[in-house]
C-alpha atoms as a PDB file:
ATOM      1  CA  MET A   1     -72.020  14.435 -57.303  1.00  0.00           C
ATOM      2  CA  ASN A   2     -73.668  15.605 -60.522  1.00  0.00           C
ATOM      3  CA  ARG A   3     -76.297  13.337 -59.679  1.00  0.00           C
ATOM      4  CA  VAL A   4     -76.909  15.015 -56.591  1.00  0.00           C
ATOM      5  CA  LYS A   5     -77.040  18.282 -58.361  1.00  0.00           C
ATOM      6  CA  GLN A   6     -79.495  16.969 -60.832  1.00  0.00           C
ATOM      7  CA  ARG A   7     -81.700  15.656 -58.334  1.00  0.00           C
ATOM      8  CA  TRP A   8     -81.751  18.552 -56.307  1.00  0.00           C
ATOM      9  CA  GLU A   9     -81.579  21.084 -58.993  1.00  0.00           C
ATOM     10  CA  ILE A  10     -78.530  22.756 -57.892  1.00  0.00           C
ATOM     11  CA  SER A  11     -77.355  25.462 -60.267  1.00  0.00           C
ATOM     12  CA  LYS A  12     -74.590  26.661 -58.115  1.00  0.00           C
ATOM     13  CA  ASN A  13     -72.023  25.397 -56.132  1.00  0.00           C
ATOM     14  CA  TRP A  14     -73.268  27.387 -53.213  1.00  0.00           C
ATOM     15  CA  GLN A  15     -76.359  25.736 -52.952  1.00  0.00           C
ATOM     16  CA  LEU A  16     -74.621  22.192 -52.209  1.00  0.00           C
ATOM     17  CA  ILE A  17     -74.637  23.500 -48.455  1.00  0.00           C
ATOM     18  CA  PHE A  18     -78.632  22.250 -48.062  1.00  0.00           C
ATOM     19  CA  PRO A  19     -77.742  18.625 -49.225  1.00  0.00           C
ATOM     20  CA  ILE A  20     -74.663  18.517 -46.736  1.00  0.00           C
ATOM     21  CA  LEU A  21     -76.276  20.206 -43.954  1.00  0.00           C
ATOM     22  CA  GLY A  22     -79.434  17.548 -44.847  1.00  0.00           C
ATOM     23  CA  PHE A  23     -77.045  15.072 -44.450  1.00  0.00           C
ATOM     24  CA  LEU A  24     -75.221  16.222 -41.396  1.00  0.00           C
ATOM     25  CA  SER A  25     -78.644  17.093 -39.743  1.00  0.00           C
ATOM     26  CA  LEU A  26     -79.796  13.264 -40.461  1.00  0.00           C
ATOM     27  CA  ALA A  27     -76.642  11.566 -39.461  1.00  0.00           C
ATOM     28  CA  GLY A  28     -76.844  13.972 -36.000  1.00  0.00           C
ATOM     29  CA  THR A  29     -80.551  12.687 -35.275  1.00  0.00           C
ATOM     30  CA  ALA A  30     -79.846   9.255 -35.783  1.00  0.00           C
ATOM     31  CA  TYR A  31     -76.405   9.541 -33.721  1.00  0.00           C
ATOM     32  CA  ILE A  32     -78.775  11.305 -31.184  1.00  0.00           C
ATOM     33  CA  ILE A  33     -81.318   8.782 -31.182  1.00  0.00           C
ATOM     34  CA  SER A  34     -78.521   5.713 -30.889  1.00  0.00           C
ATOM     35  CA  ARG A  35     -77.236   7.380 -27.758  1.00  0.00           C
ATOM     36  CA  ARG A  36     -80.323   7.437 -26.388  1.00  0.00           C
ATOM     37  CA  LEU A  37     -81.271   3.804 -26.669  1.00  0.00           C
ATOM     38  CA  LEU A  38     -77.223   3.414 -25.479  1.00  0.00           C
ATOM     39  CA  HIS A  39     -78.373   4.904 -22.065  1.00  0.00           C
ATOM     40  CA  LEU A  40     -81.882   3.225 -21.861  1.00  0.00           C
ATOM     41  CA  PHE A  41     -79.707  -0.172 -22.443  1.00  0.00           C
ATOM     42  CA  SER A  42     -77.232   0.783 -20.163  1.00  0.00           C
ATOM     43  CA  LEU A  43     -74.354   0.352 -22.058  1.00  0.00           C
ATOM     44  CA  ASN A  44     -72.359   3.118 -21.916  1.00  0.00           C
ATOM     45  CA  ASN A  45     -68.957   3.012 -20.749  1.00  0.00           C
ATOM     46  CA  THR A  46     -68.624  -0.770 -21.946  1.00  0.00           C
ATOM     47  CA  THR A  47     -66.764  -2.190 -24.450  1.00  0.00           C
ATOM     48  CA  PHE A  48     -70.209  -2.161 -26.224  1.00  0.00           C
ATOM     49  CA  GLU A  49     -70.346   1.359 -26.591  1.00  0.00           C
ATOM     50  CA  TRP A  50     -69.229   2.340 -29.613  1.00  0.00           C
ATOM     51  CA  PRO A  51     -70.298  -0.515 -31.638  1.00  0.00           C
ATOM     52  CA  PHE A  52     -73.611  -0.380 -30.472  1.00  0.00           C
ATOM     53  CA  THR A  53     -73.660   3.554 -31.281  1.00  0.00           C
ATOM     54  CA  LEU A  54     -72.100   2.983 -34.654  1.00  0.00           C
ATOM     55  CA  GLY A  55     -74.254   0.185 -35.814  1.00  0.00           C
ATOM     56  CA  ILE A  56     -77.655   1.689 -34.342  1.00  0.00           C
ATOM     57  CA  MET A  57     -76.570   5.002 -36.095  1.00  0.00           C
ATOM     58  CA  ALA A  58     -76.147   3.163 -39.572  1.00  0.00           C
ATOM     59  CA  LEU A  59     -79.605   0.995 -39.063  1.00  0.00           C
ATOM     60  CA  LEU A  60     -81.243   4.344 -38.606  1.00  0.00           C
ATOM     61  CA  TYR A  61     -80.086   6.743 -41.113  1.00  0.00           C
ATOM     62  CA  PHE A  62     -81.450   4.877 -44.097  1.00  0.00           C
ATOM     63  CA  PRO A  63     -85.130   4.438 -42.755  1.00  0.00           C
ATOM     64  CA  LEU A  64     -84.890   7.985 -41.553  1.00  0.00           C
ATOM     65  CA  LEU A  65     -83.208   9.408 -45.227  1.00  0.00           C
ATOM     66  CA  ARG A  66     -86.476   7.080 -46.567  1.00  0.00           C
ATOM     67  CA  PHE A  67     -88.746   8.896 -44.373  1.00  0.00           C
ATOM     68  CA  PHE A  68     -87.663  12.083 -45.089  1.00  0.00           C
ATOM     69  CA  LEU A  69     -87.579  11.736 -48.796  1.00  0.00           C
ATOM     70  CA  TRP A  70     -91.071  10.245 -48.628  1.00  0.00           C
ATOM     71  CA  CYS A  71     -91.983  13.694 -46.923  1.00  0.00           C
ATOM     72  CA  PHE A  72     -90.231  15.486 -49.554  1.00  0.00           C
ATOM     73  CA  LYS A  73     -92.398  13.849 -52.576  1.00  0.00           C
ATOM     74  CA  LYS A  74     -95.900  14.562 -50.504  1.00  0.00           C
ATOM     75  CA  LEU A  75     -94.924  18.073 -49.671  1.00  0.00           C
ATOM     76  CA  GLU A  76     -93.512  18.836 -53.172  1.00  0.00           C
ATOM     77  CA  ASN A  77     -96.556  19.747 -54.909  1.00  0.00           C
ATOM     78  CA  LYS A  78     -98.175  21.470 -51.328  1.00  0.00           C
ATOM     79  CA  TRP A  79     -95.340  24.104 -50.903  1.00  0.00           C
ATOM     80  CA  VAL A  80     -94.408  26.058 -53.560  1.00  0.00           C
ATOM     81  CA  VAL A  81     -90.764  26.449 -54.131  1.00  0.00           C
ATOM     82  CA  ASN A  82     -89.067  26.702 -57.520  1.00  0.00           C
ATOM     83  CA  TYR A  83     -86.264  24.739 -56.954  1.00  0.00           C
ATOM     84  CA  LYS A  84     -85.904  21.320 -55.107  1.00  0.00           C
ATOM     85  CA  TRP A  85     -82.662  21.935 -53.013  1.00  0.00           C
ATOM     86  CA  GLU A  86     -85.203  24.546 -51.172  1.00  0.00           C
ATOM     87  CA  MET A  87     -87.272  21.725 -50.031  1.00  0.00           C
ATOM     88  CA  ILE A  88     -84.346  20.520 -47.629  1.00  0.00           C
ATOM     89  CA  ALA A  89     -83.515  24.571 -46.715  1.00  0.00           C
ATOM     90  CA  ILE A  90     -87.329  24.627 -45.766  1.00  0.00           C
ATOM     91  CA  PHE A  91     -87.009  21.355 -43.478  1.00  0.00           C
ATOM     92  CA  ILE A  92     -83.964  22.313 -41.944  1.00  0.00           C
ATOM     93  CA  VAL A  93     -85.650  25.855 -40.732  1.00  0.00           C
ATOM     94  CA  PHE A  94     -88.526  23.579 -39.213  1.00  0.00           C
ATOM     95  CA  ALA A  95     -85.893  21.521 -37.430  1.00  0.00           C
ATOM     96  CA  ILE A  96     -83.633  24.289 -36.115  1.00  0.00           C
ATOM     97  CA  THR A  97     -86.741  26.766 -35.065  1.00  0.00           C
ATOM     98  CA  GLY A  98     -88.281  23.406 -33.192  1.00  0.00           C
ATOM     99  CA  SER A  99     -85.548  22.732 -31.176  1.00  0.00           C
ATOM    100  CA  ILE A 100     -84.399  26.441 -30.689  1.00  0.00           C
ATOM    101  CA  ALA A 101     -88.007  27.031 -29.233  1.00  0.00           C
ATOM    102  CA  ALA A 102     -88.221  24.247 -26.643  1.00  0.00           C
ATOM    103  CA  LYS A 103     -84.659  24.717 -25.462  1.00  0.00           C
ATOM    104  CA  LEU A 104     -86.002  28.945 -24.929  1.00  0.00           C
ATOM    105  CA  ALA A 105     -88.642  27.979 -23.042  1.00  0.00           C
ATOM    106  CA  GLU A 106     -87.231  25.883 -20.505  1.00  0.00           C
ATOM    107  CA  PRO A 107     -85.804  28.926 -18.864  1.00  0.00           C
ATOM    108  CA  LEU A 108     -88.405  30.794 -19.080  1.00  0.00           C
ATOM    109  CA  THR A 109     -90.964  28.625 -17.411  1.00  0.00           C
ATOM    110  CA  HIS A 110     -88.267  28.418 -14.650  1.00  0.00           C
ATOM    111  CA  LEU A 111     -88.057  32.140 -14.460  1.00  0.00           C
ATOM    112  CA  ILE A 112     -92.342  32.484 -14.107  1.00  0.00           C
ATOM    113  CA  GLY A 113     -91.425  29.831 -11.356  1.00  0.00           C
ATOM    114  CA  LEU A 114     -93.001  26.911 -12.805  1.00  0.00           C
ATOM    115  CA  GLU A 115     -91.024  23.738 -12.725  1.00  0.00           C
ATOM    116  CA  ARG A 116     -91.550  20.142 -13.964  1.00  0.00           C
ATOM    117  CA  ASP A 117     -90.912  18.372 -11.052  1.00  0.00           C
ATOM    118  CA  THR A 118     -93.082  20.794  -8.633  1.00  0.00           C
ATOM    119  CA  THR A 119     -95.938  21.638 -11.310  1.00  0.00           C
ATOM    120  CA  SER A 120     -98.488  19.413 -12.479  1.00  0.00           C
ATOM    121  CA  GLY A 121     -98.461  18.423 -15.454  1.00  0.00           C
ATOM    122  CA  TRP A 122    -101.776  19.476 -16.613  1.00  0.00           C
ATOM    123  CA  VAL A 123    -100.582  22.954 -15.883  1.00  0.00           C
ATOM    124  CA  TYR A 124     -96.748  23.127 -16.685  1.00  0.00           C
ATOM    125  CA  TRP A 125     -97.384  21.691 -20.159  1.00  0.00           C
ATOM    126  CA  PRO A 126    -100.182  23.913 -21.502  1.00  0.00           C
ATOM    127  CA  ILE A 127     -98.114  26.717 -20.200  1.00  0.00           C
ATOM    128  CA  ARG A 128     -94.982  26.072 -21.937  1.00  0.00           C
ATOM    129  CA  ILE A 129     -96.578  25.304 -25.143  1.00  0.00           C
ATOM    130  CA  LEU A 130     -98.154  28.579 -24.921  1.00  0.00           C
ATOM    131  CA  ILE A 131     -94.700  30.167 -24.135  1.00  0.00           C
ATOM    132  CA  ILE A 132     -92.893  28.070 -27.079  1.00  0.00           C
ATOM    133  CA  LEU A 133     -95.877  29.359 -29.863  1.00  0.00           C
ATOM    134  CA  PRO A 134     -94.646  32.829 -30.349  1.00  0.00           C
ATOM    135  CA  ILE A 135     -90.888  32.307 -29.697  1.00  0.00           C
ATOM    136  CA  TYR A 136     -91.575  29.629 -32.604  1.00  0.00           C
ATOM    137  CA  GLN A 137     -93.435  32.123 -34.644  1.00  0.00           C
ATOM    138  CA  VAL A 138     -90.436  34.857 -34.469  1.00  0.00           C
ATOM    139  CA  LEU A 139     -88.002  32.276 -35.099  1.00  0.00           C
ATOM    140  CA  LEU A 140     -89.721  30.802 -38.280  1.00  0.00           C
ATOM    141  CA  VAL A 141     -89.567  33.956 -40.010  1.00  0.00           C
ATOM    142  CA  LEU A 142     -86.026  34.906 -38.441  1.00  0.00           C
ATOM    143  CA  PHE A 143     -84.543  31.465 -39.082  1.00  0.00           C
ATOM    144  CA  GLY A 144     -86.398  31.438 -43.128  1.00  0.00           C
ATOM    145  CA  TRP A 145     -84.804  34.659 -43.799  1.00  0.00           C
ATOM    146  CA  LEU A 146     -81.289  33.408 -42.913  1.00  0.00           C
ATOM    147  CA  PHE A 147     -81.819  30.503 -45.172  1.00  0.00           C
ATOM    148  CA  GLY A 148     -83.104  32.668 -47.855  1.00  0.00           C
ATOM    149  CA  GLN A 149     -86.546  31.125 -47.590  1.00  0.00           C
ATOM    150  CA  PHE A 150     -88.469  34.334 -46.167  1.00  0.00           C
ATOM    151  CA  THR A 151     -91.121  34.931 -48.751  1.00  0.00           C
ATOM    152  CA  PHE A 152     -92.156  31.109 -48.129  1.00  0.00           C
ATOM    153  CA  PHE A 153     -91.933  31.204 -44.323  1.00  0.00           C
ATOM    154  CA  TRP A 154     -93.888  34.490 -43.980  1.00  0.00           C
ATOM    155  CA  SER A 155     -96.617  33.452 -46.228  1.00  0.00           C
ATOM    156  CA  PHE A 156     -96.465  29.830 -43.877  1.00  0.00           C
ATOM    157  CA  GLU A 157     -96.759  32.255 -40.945  1.00  0.00           C
ATOM    158  CA  LYS A 158     -99.584  33.975 -42.095  1.00  0.00           C
ATOM    159  CA  LYS A 159    -101.542  30.954 -42.751  1.00  0.00           C
ATOM    160  CA  MET A 160    -100.636  29.484 -39.745  1.00  0.00           C
ATOM    161  CA  LEU A 161    -101.881  32.658 -37.677  1.00  0.00           C
ATOM    162  CA  LYS A 162    -105.138  32.568 -39.985  1.00  0.00           C
ATOM    163  CA  ARG A 163    -106.188  28.572 -39.071  1.00  0.00           C
ATOM    164  CA  MET A 164    -105.112  30.032 -35.337  1.00  0.00           C
ATOM    165  CA  GLY A 165    -107.892  32.581 -35.489  1.00  0.00           C
ATOM    166  CA  LEU A 166    -105.113  35.740 -35.337  1.00  0.00           C
ATOM    167  CA  GLY A 167    -105.701  36.511 -38.873  1.00  0.00           C
ATOM    168  CA  PHE A 168    -106.185  40.393 -37.637  1.00  0.00           C
ATOM    169  CA  LEU A 169    -102.650  40.757 -37.107  1.00  0.00           C
ATOM    170  CA  PHE A 170    -102.238  40.900 -40.649  1.00  0.00           C
ATOM    171  CA  LYS A 171    -104.503  42.821 -42.551  1.00  0.00           C
ATOM    172  CA  GLU A 172    -104.692  42.399 -46.211  1.00  0.00           C
ATOM    173  CA  THR A 173    -104.905  44.970 -48.753  1.00  0.00           C
ATOM    174  CA  LEU A 174    -106.202  44.450 -52.177  1.00  0.00           C
END
């Protein structure tokens, strides 16, 4: 436990929630991918279901872990944070925000009368992305605040909107 605390610069026990959430999120991601593969190979409801799921999950966990640790290392100098554990919180916020924004866009596209099955992909997907974008922006700041990273996400949000040509929404005062 001391190695985890030292590696992620954890000084208070409550900060351990972020590495724990990161571990559980990564395990959940490996589980979801392994279940998708299980259905792809039509192995559900067979004797191979759980050995396949757990085996693929174990095989996926470590490459995913190495990938995310590589991402942390690459972004460590680019993102200004006080402690390394905040990087985990930021990654979790991005994951939650993206997932929820995508889920919320589906009923909204349905509400305006666009169905995935009956609408051309050339129409459906651009409109769905345009619906996701404002939802994502709001949720990013909201979940950033909930995870104690409001300052990071507020400046990230302003920078993103400026790059999209919407910088006029935030007047900078000198």
